[in-house]
Every structure is written in structure tokens, then in C-alpha cells.
Amino acid sequence: AVQSKAKAQPASSRSVVNVTAEKKMFYPGAISPAYLDQSLAGDYGWDPLGFGADPTALKWYRQAEIVHARWAMLGVAGILGQEILVPDVFWYEAALPEN
């Protein structure tokens, strides 16, 4: 067996540098519209058509996105349930006349 003759050295002084951007953006150097203030989840300053400029519309878009996400989760649960209960029929073939 080979044995090492090196001795453990005491830990040297370390410095930690934490660099953060002012605001997370969809690409470096992008300019975010003033109405996108990172108060919503996933706000990276991307609104090229200005849909979020109206606060009432932005509130409605947020609620619509939540509703659509819930429908999508329900759809995935339905697909998985169908795959478990009837494994012979694939979910994308379930609506065919022969099934």
C-alpha cells in the first residue's frame, strides 16, 4: 500500500465575492419596461408588445395564467390516470373510434 507523507495544511484565508444584478432580465443588458417591477413571479422584463402596461389587464392575465396552469395539471393527472387504469390504450389514441 502506498502511504502519503503530505500533512494537512491549515485553511488559508478566503474571501467570498457575491455579485448580483440589479434586476434579473431575459438577456443581459435588456431594458425592462417601467411597469414590470418584479412583483410577479417570473418577471424578467419580457413584454415586447406591452400587454402588461395596463394594471387591470395585467391582473387579468395573471389570473388567466393560473387558471390555465390548473387545467394543464388536471389534464396531466387525467393522462396518468388513464395510463394506469387502461394501459392498453395510449392517451393520444383514446378518442379514436376503435377505442
C-alpha atoms as a PDB file:
ATOM      1  CA  ALA A   1       0.000   0.000   0.000  1.00  0.00           C
ATOM      2  CA  VAL A   2       1.166   3.488  -0.800  1.00  0.00           C
ATOM      3  CA  GLN A   3       1.001   5.986   2.008  1.00  0.00           C
ATOM      4  CA  SER A   4       1.033   9.710   1.529  1.00  0.00           C
ATOM      5  CA  LYS A   5       3.526  11.702   3.553  1.00  0.00           C
ATOM      6  CA  ALA A   6       1.798  15.028   2.972  1.00  0.00           C
ATOM      7  CA  LYS A   7       0.498  16.765   6.053  1.00  0.00           C
ATOM      8  CA  ALA A   8      -2.738  18.663   6.213  1.00  0.00           C
ATOM      9  CA  GLN A   9      -2.243  22.383   5.786  1.00  0.00           C
ATOM     10  CA  PRO A  10      -4.364  24.843   7.750  1.00  0.00           C
ATOM     11  CA  ALA A  11      -7.018  26.522   5.658  1.00  0.00           C
ATOM     12  CA  SER A  12      -5.798  29.728   4.102  1.00  0.00           C
ATOM     13  CA  SER A  13      -7.704  32.964   4.251  1.00  0.00           C
ATOM     14  CA  ARG A  14     -10.580  33.043   1.765  1.00  0.00           C
ATOM     15  CA  SER A  15     -12.705  35.864   0.515  1.00  0.00           C
ATOM     16  CA  VAL A  16     -16.145  35.441  -0.945  1.00  0.00           C
ATOM     17  CA  VAL A  17     -17.446  37.818  -3.574  1.00  0.00           C
ATOM     18  CA  ASN A  18     -21.164  37.917  -4.191  1.00  0.00           C
ATOM     19  CA  VAL A  19     -22.158  39.700  -7.398  1.00  0.00           C
ATOM     20  CA  THR A  20     -25.804  40.243  -8.202  1.00  0.00           C
ATOM     21  CA  ALA A  21     -27.523  42.182 -10.932  1.00  0.00           C
ATOM     22  CA  GLU A  22     -29.930  44.951 -10.100  1.00  0.00           C
ATOM     23  CA  LYS A  23     -32.784  43.133 -11.791  1.00  0.00           C
ATOM     24  CA  LYS A  24     -32.993  39.719 -13.454  1.00  0.00           C
ATOM     25  CA  MET A  25     -33.504  40.168 -17.184  1.00  0.00           C
ATOM     26  CA  PHE A  26     -34.356  37.861 -20.074  1.00  0.00           C
ATOM     27  CA  TYR A  27     -30.976  38.689 -21.625  1.00  0.00           C
ATOM     28  CA  PRO A  28     -28.009  40.702 -20.314  1.00  0.00           C
ATOM     29  CA  GLY A  29     -28.278  44.405 -20.971  1.00  0.00           C
ATOM     30  CA  ALA A  30     -32.001  44.394 -21.721  1.00  0.00           C
ATOM     31  CA  ILE A  31     -34.077  47.370 -20.653  1.00  0.00           C
ATOM     32  CA  SER A  32     -37.220  46.421 -18.772  1.00  0.00           C
ATOM     33  CA  PRO A  33     -40.446  48.434 -19.116  1.00  0.00           C
ATOM     34  CA  ALA A  34     -41.151  50.579 -16.053  1.00  0.00           C
ATOM     35  CA  TYR A  35     -44.415  48.745 -15.282  1.00  0.00           C
ATOM     36  CA  LEU A  36     -42.587  45.426 -14.824  1.00  0.00           C
ATOM     37  CA  ASP A  37     -41.283  45.847 -11.286  1.00  0.00           C
ATOM     38  CA  GLN A  38     -40.598  42.181 -10.416  1.00  0.00           C
ATOM     39  CA  SER A  39     -43.692  41.992  -8.228  1.00  0.00           C
ATOM     40  CA  LEU A  40     -44.870  38.928 -10.205  1.00  0.00           C
ATOM     41  CA  ALA A  41     -43.182  35.553 -10.286  1.00  0.00           C
ATOM     42  CA  GLY A  42     -41.113  35.020 -13.423  1.00  0.00           C
ATOM     43  CA  ASP A  43     -40.852  38.718 -14.251  1.00  0.00           C
ATOM     44  CA  TYR A  44     -37.675  39.006 -16.311  1.00  0.00           C
ATOM     45  CA  GLY A  45     -38.635  42.159 -18.192  1.00  0.00           C
ATOM     46  CA  TRP A  46     -40.059  40.434 -21.294  1.00  0.00           C
ATOM     47  CA  ASP A  47     -43.129  42.222 -22.649  1.00  0.00           C
ATOM     48  CA  PRO A  48     -42.330  43.251 -26.235  1.00  0.00           C
ATOM     49  CA  LEU A  49     -45.952  44.028 -27.153  1.00  0.00           C
ATOM     50  CA  GLY A  50     -46.770  45.973 -23.988  1.00  0.00           C
ATOM     51  CA  PHE A  51     -49.627  43.757 -22.829  1.00  0.00           C
ATOM     52  CA  GLY A  52     -48.785  44.395 -19.162  1.00  0.00           C
ATOM     53  CA  ALA A  53     -48.866  48.181 -19.375  1.00  0.00           C
ATOM     54  CA  ASP A  54     -52.466  48.301 -18.130  1.00  0.00           C
ATOM     55  CA  PRO A  55     -52.515  47.189 -14.458  1.00  0.00           C
ATOM     56  CA  THR A  56     -56.077  45.847 -14.729  1.00  0.00           C
ATOM     57  CA  ALA A  57     -55.213  43.789 -17.798  1.00  0.00           C
ATOM     58  CA  LEU A  58     -52.020  42.533 -16.136  1.00  0.00           C
ATOM     59  CA  LYS A  59     -54.043  41.347 -13.149  1.00  0.00           C
ATOM     60  CA  TRP A  60     -56.447  39.546 -15.517  1.00  0.00           C
ATOM     61  CA  TYR A  61     -53.550  37.948 -17.466  1.00  0.00           C
ATOM     62  CA  ARG A  62     -52.040  36.691 -14.217  1.00  0.00           C
ATOM     63  CA  GLN A  63     -55.328  35.135 -13.146  1.00  0.00           C
ATOM     64  CA  ALA A  64     -55.862  33.591 -16.607  1.00  0.00           C
ATOM     65  CA  GLU A  65     -52.389  32.051 -16.480  1.00  0.00           C
ATOM     66  CA  ILE A  66     -53.140  30.487 -13.091  1.00  0.00           C
ATOM     67  CA  VAL A  67     -56.427  29.029 -14.398  1.00  0.00           C
ATOM     68  CA  HIS A  68     -54.718  27.605 -17.499  1.00  0.00           C
ATOM     69  CA  ALA A  69     -51.951  26.089 -15.376  1.00  0.00           C
ATOM     70  CA  ARG A  70     -54.534  24.375 -13.188  1.00  0.00           C
ATOM     71  CA  TRP A  71     -56.319  22.952 -16.257  1.00  0.00           C
ATOM     72  CA  ALA A  72     -52.972  21.694 -17.555  1.00  0.00           C
ATOM     73  CA  MET A  73     -52.228  19.968 -14.247  1.00  0.00           C
ATOM     74  CA  LEU A  74     -55.684  18.377 -14.308  1.00  0.00           C
ATOM     75  CA  GLY A  75     -55.026  17.198 -17.881  1.00  0.00           C
ATOM     76  CA  VAL A  76     -51.744  15.566 -16.858  1.00  0.00           C
ATOM     77  CA  ALA A  77     -53.491  13.855 -13.937  1.00  0.00           C
ATOM     78  CA  GLY A  78     -56.121  12.549 -16.375  1.00  0.00           C
ATOM     79  CA  ILE A  79     -53.472  11.227 -18.761  1.00  0.00           C
ATOM     80  CA  LEU A  80     -51.609   9.466 -15.952  1.00  0.00           C
ATOM     81  CA  GLY A  81     -54.832   8.051 -14.516  1.00  0.00           C
ATOM     82  CA  GLN A  82     -55.876   6.698 -17.893  1.00  0.00           C
ATOM     83  CA  GLU A  83     -52.425   5.155 -18.434  1.00  0.00           C
ATOM     84  CA  ILE A  84     -52.677   3.397 -15.055  1.00  0.00           C
ATOM     85  CA  LEU A  85     -56.303   2.220 -15.406  1.00  0.00           C
ATOM     86  CA  VAL A  86     -56.243   1.251 -19.104  1.00  0.00           C
ATOM     87  CA  PRO A  87     -52.601   0.672 -20.079  1.00  0.00           C
ATOM     88  CA  ASP A  88     -53.535  -0.884 -23.453  1.00  0.00           C
ATOM     89  CA  VAL A  89     -54.831   2.431 -24.836  1.00  0.00           C
ATOM     90  CA  PHE A  90     -52.431   5.337 -25.195  1.00  0.00           C
ATOM     91  CA  TRP A  91     -53.820   8.739 -24.237  1.00  0.00           C
ATOM     92  CA  TYR A  92     -53.333  10.175 -27.720  1.00  0.00           C
ATOM     93  CA  GLU A  93     -55.325   7.270 -29.222  1.00  0.00           C
ATOM     94  CA  ALA A  94     -58.136   7.250 -26.637  1.00  0.00           C
ATOM     95  CA  ALA A  95     -60.578   9.276 -28.767  1.00  0.00           C
ATOM     96  CA  LEU A  96     -60.220   7.099 -31.892  1.00  0.00           C
ATOM     97  CA  PRO A  97     -63.434   5.292 -32.962  1.00  0.00           C
ATOM     98  CA  GLU A  98     -61.989   1.800 -32.442  1.00  0.00           C
ATOM     99  CA  ASN A  99     -61.306   2.507 -28.768  1.00  0.00           C
END
